[in-house]
Amino acid sequence: MSIFSSVSLSLIDRCFSLLNSSVSHILPKLFQSLNAFLSCNVCSKQFHGPRKYAHLKLHVNSVHLGIKEHLCTLCDKKFSQICNRNRHMRAVHNLIIRRKRV
């Protein structure tokens, strides 16, 4: 075996060793952040899952700030989520809401 081959192999071994140690260090952190939850600062409600940031924002806006931006055009009742407004319009006003086609 030549010197070049042994140097190359030892370099490759070190690279794989470093890669292996970094992967074993990073993967637990990655899974920890995916499984971690967010808590509301006001009421401590916890949010899990891939859309936890969006759900926390919606919770704070609707529950604590009272932001309701979806309005029923027939009775002026306000809703924080469009799905709740659509359900209201079906149940109270017997309207069928159709989705816009893109």
N, C-alpha and C. Protein backbone atom coordinates (compact mmCIF):
# COMPACT_ATOMS: atom_id res chain seq x y z
N MET A 1 0.85 -1.17 0.00
CA MET A 1 0.00 0.00 0.00
C MET A 1 0.90 1.24 0.00
N SER A 2 0.55 2.22 -0.78
CA SER A 2 1.37 3.44 -0.86
C SER A 2 1.01 4.41 0.26
N ILE A 3 1.86 5.38 0.46
CA ILE A 3 1.63 6.41 1.50
C ILE A 3 0.38 7.20 1.16
N PHE A 4 0.20 7.48 -0.11
CA PHE A 4 -0.97 8.25 -0.55
C PHE A 4 -2.27 7.54 -0.15
N SER A 5 -2.33 6.26 -0.34
CA SER A 5 -3.53 5.49 -0.02
C SER A 5 -3.80 5.50 1.48
N SER A 6 -2.77 5.33 2.29
CA SER A 6 -2.98 5.29 3.73
C SER A 6 -3.39 6.66 4.28
N VAL A 7 -2.82 7.73 3.73
CA VAL A 7 -3.21 9.08 4.16
C VAL A 7 -4.65 9.34 3.78
N SER A 8 -5.03 8.97 2.56
CA SER A 8 -6.40 9.18 2.11
C SER A 8 -7.38 8.40 2.96
N LEU A 9 -7.05 7.17 3.27
CA LEU A 9 -7.95 6.36 4.09
C LEU A 9 -8.09 6.90 5.50
N SER A 10 -7.00 7.36 6.09
CA SER A 10 -7.10 7.91 7.44
C SER A 10 -7.90 9.21 7.44
N LEU A 11 -7.76 10.01 6.39
CA LEU A 11 -8.53 11.24 6.27
C LEU A 11 -10.02 10.93 6.11
N ILE A 12 -10.32 9.94 5.31
CA ILE A 12 -11.71 9.53 5.12
C ILE A 12 -12.29 9.00 6.42
N ASP A 13 -11.50 8.20 7.14
CA ASP A 13 -11.96 7.68 8.44
C ASP A 13 -12.26 8.81 9.41
N ARG A 14 -11.40 9.82 9.44
CA ARG A 14 -11.63 10.95 10.34
C ARG A 14 -12.87 11.73 9.94
N CYS A 15 -13.06 11.92 8.64
CA CYS A 15 -14.25 12.64 8.16
C CYS A 15 -15.53 11.90 8.55
N PHE A 16 -15.55 10.58 8.35
CA PHE A 16 -16.73 9.81 8.75
C PHE A 16 -16.92 9.84 10.26
N SER A 17 -15.84 9.83 10.99
CA SER A 17 -15.94 9.89 12.45
C SER A 17 -16.55 11.22 12.89
N LEU A 18 -16.08 12.31 12.28
CA LEU A 18 -16.64 13.63 12.60
C LEU A 18 -18.10 13.72 12.18
N LEU A 19 -18.40 13.22 11.01
CA LEU A 19 -19.77 13.25 10.52
C LEU A 19 -20.68 12.46 11.44
N ASN A 20 -20.24 11.30 11.84
CA ASN A 20 -21.03 10.46 12.72
C ASN A 20 -21.27 11.14 14.07
N SER A 21 -20.24 11.76 14.62
CA SER A 21 -20.42 12.42 15.92
C SER A 21 -21.32 13.64 15.80
N SER A 22 -21.23 14.38 14.68
CA SER A 22 -22.09 15.55 14.52
C SER A 22 -23.54 15.14 14.29
N VAL A 23 -23.75 14.07 13.54
CA VAL A 23 -25.12 13.59 13.31
C VAL A 23 -25.72 13.11 14.63
N SER A 24 -24.95 12.39 15.41
CA SER A 24 -25.48 11.90 16.69
C SER A 24 -25.72 13.05 17.66
N HIS A 25 -25.08 14.19 17.44
CA HIS A 25 -25.31 15.36 18.29
C HIS A 25 -26.52 16.16 17.79
N ILE A 26 -26.66 16.27 16.46
CA ILE A 26 -27.71 17.11 15.88
C ILE A 26 -29.07 16.44 15.89
N LEU A 27 -29.14 15.16 15.59
CA LEU A 27 -30.44 14.48 15.48
C LEU A 27 -31.29 14.57 16.74
N PRO A 28 -30.75 14.33 17.92
CA PRO A 28 -31.60 14.48 19.11
C PRO A 28 -32.14 15.89 19.27
N LYS A 29 -31.34 16.90 18.94
CA LYS A 29 -31.79 18.29 19.03
C LYS A 29 -32.92 18.54 18.03
N LEU A 30 -32.78 17.98 16.83
CA LEU A 30 -33.79 18.15 15.80
C LEU A 30 -35.11 17.52 16.23
N PHE A 31 -35.07 16.29 16.72
CA PHE A 31 -36.29 15.64 17.17
C PHE A 31 -36.87 16.32 18.40
N GLN A 32 -35.99 16.85 19.24
CA GLN A 32 -36.46 17.55 20.43
C GLN A 32 -37.24 18.80 20.03
N SER A 33 -36.74 19.53 19.03
CA SER A 33 -37.43 20.75 18.61
C SER A 33 -38.73 20.42 17.88
N LEU A 34 -38.77 19.29 17.16
CA LEU A 34 -40.01 18.90 16.49
C LEU A 34 -41.07 18.46 17.49
N ASN A 35 -40.66 17.81 18.56
CA ASN A 35 -41.60 17.31 19.55
C ASN A 35 -41.90 18.33 20.63
N ALA A 36 -41.15 19.40 20.70
CA ALA A 36 -41.35 20.41 21.73
C ALA A 36 -42.69 21.10 21.51
N PHE A 37 -43.17 21.71 22.55
CA PHE A 37 -44.43 22.43 22.45
C PHE A 37 -44.20 23.91 22.73
N LEU A 38 -45.15 24.72 22.30
CA LEU A 38 -45.15 26.14 22.60
C LEU A 38 -46.24 26.41 23.62
N SER A 39 -46.01 27.36 24.48
CA SER A 39 -47.01 27.73 25.49
C SER A 39 -47.41 29.18 25.31
N CYS A 40 -48.67 29.44 25.52
CA CYS A 40 -49.18 30.81 25.51
C CYS A 40 -48.66 31.51 26.77
N ASN A 41 -48.14 32.71 26.61
CA ASN A 41 -47.61 33.46 27.75
C ASN A 41 -48.70 33.96 28.69
N VAL A 42 -49.92 34.05 28.20
CA VAL A 42 -51.01 34.59 29.00
C VAL A 42 -51.69 33.50 29.82
N CYS A 43 -52.06 32.38 29.18
CA CYS A 43 -52.85 31.35 29.87
C CYS A 43 -52.15 30.00 29.97
N SER A 44 -50.95 29.89 29.44
CA SER A 44 -50.14 28.66 29.49
C SER A 44 -50.71 27.49 28.69
N LYS A 45 -51.64 27.75 27.79
CA LYS A 45 -52.13 26.67 26.93
C LYS A 45 -50.99 26.20 26.04
N GLN A 46 -50.89 24.89 25.84
CA GLN A 46 -49.79 24.31 25.07
C GLN A 46 -50.23 23.94 23.66
N PHE A 47 -49.30 24.13 22.71
CA PHE A 47 -49.55 23.82 21.31
C PHE A 47 -48.45 22.90 20.81
N HIS A 48 -48.85 21.83 20.13
CA HIS A 48 -47.94 20.81 19.62
C HIS A 48 -48.08 20.70 18.11
N GLY A 49 -47.18 19.97 17.49
CA GLY A 49 -47.32 19.63 16.09
C GLY A 49 -46.61 20.59 15.16
N PRO A 50 -46.68 20.29 13.87
CA PRO A 50 -45.94 21.07 12.89
C PRO A 50 -46.47 22.49 12.69
N ARG A 51 -47.73 22.73 13.01
CA ARG A 51 -48.31 24.07 12.84
C ARG A 51 -48.50 24.79 14.16
N LYS A 52 -47.65 24.46 15.13
CA LYS A 52 -47.82 25.02 16.47
C LYS A 52 -47.67 26.53 16.50
N TYR A 53 -46.81 27.10 15.67
CA TYR A 53 -46.64 28.56 15.65
C TYR A 53 -47.90 29.24 15.13
N ALA A 54 -48.47 28.70 14.08
CA ALA A 54 -49.69 29.28 13.51
C ALA A 54 -50.85 29.15 14.48
N HIS A 55 -50.95 28.00 15.17
CA HIS A 55 -52.04 27.79 16.12
C HIS A 55 -51.90 28.71 17.33
N LEU A 56 -50.68 28.92 17.80
CA LEU A 56 -50.46 29.84 18.92
C LEU A 56 -50.83 31.26 18.52
N LYS A 57 -50.44 31.68 17.33
CA LYS A 57 -50.77 33.03 16.86
C LYS A 57 -52.29 33.21 16.75
N LEU A 58 -52.97 32.23 16.19
CA LEU A 58 -54.42 32.29 16.07
C LEU A 58 -55.07 32.34 17.45
N HIS A 59 -54.57 31.55 18.39
CA HIS A 59 -55.10 31.52 19.75
C HIS A 59 -54.96 32.89 20.42
N VAL A 60 -53.78 33.48 20.34
CA VAL A 60 -53.54 34.78 20.99
C VAL A 60 -54.41 35.86 20.35
N ASN A 61 -54.46 35.86 19.02
CA ASN A 61 -55.26 36.88 18.34
C ASN A 61 -56.74 36.77 18.66
N SER A 62 -57.27 35.57 18.66
CA SER A 62 -58.72 35.42 18.84
C SER A 62 -59.14 35.43 20.31
N VAL A 63 -58.40 34.75 21.17
CA VAL A 63 -58.82 34.62 22.58
C VAL A 63 -58.40 35.83 23.41
N HIS A 64 -57.15 36.22 23.32
CA HIS A 64 -56.63 37.25 24.21
C HIS A 64 -56.74 38.66 23.64
N LEU A 65 -56.59 38.82 22.33
CA LEU A 65 -56.68 40.14 21.73
C LEU A 65 -58.06 40.44 21.17
N GLY A 66 -58.88 39.41 21.02
CA GLY A 66 -60.25 39.60 20.54
C GLY A 66 -60.35 39.97 19.07
N ILE A 67 -59.34 39.62 18.29
CA ILE A 67 -59.37 39.94 16.86
C ILE A 67 -60.26 38.92 16.15
N LYS A 68 -61.32 39.44 15.54
CA LYS A 68 -62.24 38.60 14.77
C LYS A 68 -62.46 39.28 13.44
N GLU A 69 -61.81 38.78 12.41
CA GLU A 69 -61.80 39.47 11.13
C GLU A 69 -62.74 38.87 10.09
N HIS A 70 -63.47 37.82 10.43
CA HIS A 70 -64.39 37.20 9.47
C HIS A 70 -65.82 37.54 9.88
N LEU A 71 -66.50 38.29 9.02
CA LEU A 71 -67.80 38.86 9.33
C LEU A 71 -68.91 38.14 8.56
N CYS A 72 -69.99 37.83 9.26
CA CYS A 72 -71.18 37.31 8.59
C CYS A 72 -71.86 38.50 7.92
N THR A 73 -72.10 38.40 6.64
CA THR A 73 -72.67 39.53 5.89
C THR A 73 -74.16 39.70 6.13
N LEU A 74 -74.80 38.71 6.77
CA LEU A 74 -76.24 38.78 6.99
C LEU A 74 -76.62 39.32 8.37
N CYS A 75 -75.83 39.00 9.39
CA CYS A 75 -76.18 39.44 10.74
C CYS A 75 -75.05 40.19 11.44
N ASP A 76 -73.95 40.44 10.77
CA ASP A 76 -72.80 41.18 11.29
C ASP A 76 -72.13 40.55 12.51
N LYS A 77 -72.32 39.25 12.69
CA LYS A 77 -71.60 38.55 13.75
C LYS A 77 -70.17 38.31 13.27
N LYS A 78 -69.20 38.42 14.20
CA LYS A 78 -67.79 38.29 13.84
C LYS A 78 -67.21 36.97 14.34
N PHE A 79 -66.26 36.43 13.56
CA PHE A 79 -65.62 35.15 13.88
C PHE A 79 -64.12 35.27 13.70
N SER A 80 -63.38 34.50 14.49
CA SER A 80 -61.93 34.52 14.40
C SER A 80 -61.42 33.60 13.29
N GLN A 81 -62.22 32.60 12.92
CA GLN A 81 -61.83 31.67 11.87
C GLN A 81 -62.93 31.59 10.83
N ILE A 82 -62.52 31.52 9.58
CA ILE A 82 -63.49 31.50 8.48
C ILE A 82 -64.35 30.24 8.51
N CYS A 83 -63.78 29.13 8.98
CA CYS A 83 -64.56 27.89 9.04
C CYS A 83 -65.72 28.03 10.03
N ASN A 84 -65.51 28.78 11.11
CA ASN A 84 -66.60 29.00 12.07
C ASN A 84 -67.67 29.92 11.49
N ARG A 85 -67.26 30.90 10.70
CA ARG A 85 -68.23 31.76 10.03
C ARG A 85 -69.06 30.97 9.03
N ASN A 86 -68.40 30.10 8.26
CA ASN A 86 -69.12 29.30 7.28
C ASN A 86 -70.10 28.35 7.94
N ARG A 87 -69.70 27.74 9.04
CA ARG A 87 -70.60 26.84 9.78
C ARG A 87 -71.81 27.62 10.31
N HIS A 88 -71.57 28.83 10.81
CA HIS A 88 -72.65 29.70 11.29
C HIS A 88 -73.62 30.02 10.16
N MET A 89 -73.08 30.36 9.00
CA MET A 89 -73.94 30.74 7.88
C MET A 89 -74.78 29.55 7.39
N ARG A 90 -74.20 28.34 7.45
CA ARG A 90 -74.97 27.15 7.08
C ARG A 90 -76.05 26.85 8.11
N ALA A 91 -75.69 26.93 9.38
CA ALA A 91 -76.62 26.52 10.44
C ALA A 91 -77.71 27.57 10.69
N VAL A 92 -77.35 28.83 10.72
CA VAL A 92 -78.30 29.89 11.09
C VAL A 92 -79.05 30.43 9.88
N HIS A 93 -78.35 30.64 8.80
CA HIS A 93 -78.96 31.29 7.64
C HIS A 93 -79.26 30.33 6.49
N ASN A 94 -78.99 29.04 6.66
CA ASN A 94 -79.22 28.02 5.64
C ASN A 94 -78.56 28.34 4.30
N LEU A 95 -77.36 28.90 4.37
CA LEU A 95 -76.62 29.22 3.16
C LEU A 95 -75.54 28.18 2.92
N ILE A 96 -75.30 27.89 1.66
CA ILE A 96 -74.21 26.99 1.29
C ILE A 96 -73.06 27.86 0.79
N ILE A 97 -71.93 27.75 1.46
CA ILE A 97 -70.76 28.52 1.09
C ILE A 97 -69.92 27.68 0.12
N ARG A 98 -69.65 28.22 -1.02
CA ARG A 98 -68.85 27.50 -2.00
C ARG A 98 -67.44 28.09 -2.02
N ARG A 99 -66.46 27.20 -2.15
CA ARG A 99 -65.08 27.65 -2.23
C ARG A 99 -64.82 28.25 -3.60
N LYS A 100 -63.97 29.26 -3.61
CA LYS A 100 -63.57 29.85 -4.89
C LYS A 100 -62.58 28.91 -5.57
N ARG A 101 -62.80 28.68 -6.84
CA ARG A 101 -61.88 27.82 -7.60
C ARG A 101 -60.74 28.66 -8.12
N VAL A 102 -59.57 28.10 -8.02
CA VAL A 102 -58.38 28.84 -8.45
C VAL A 102 -58.03 28.49 -9.86
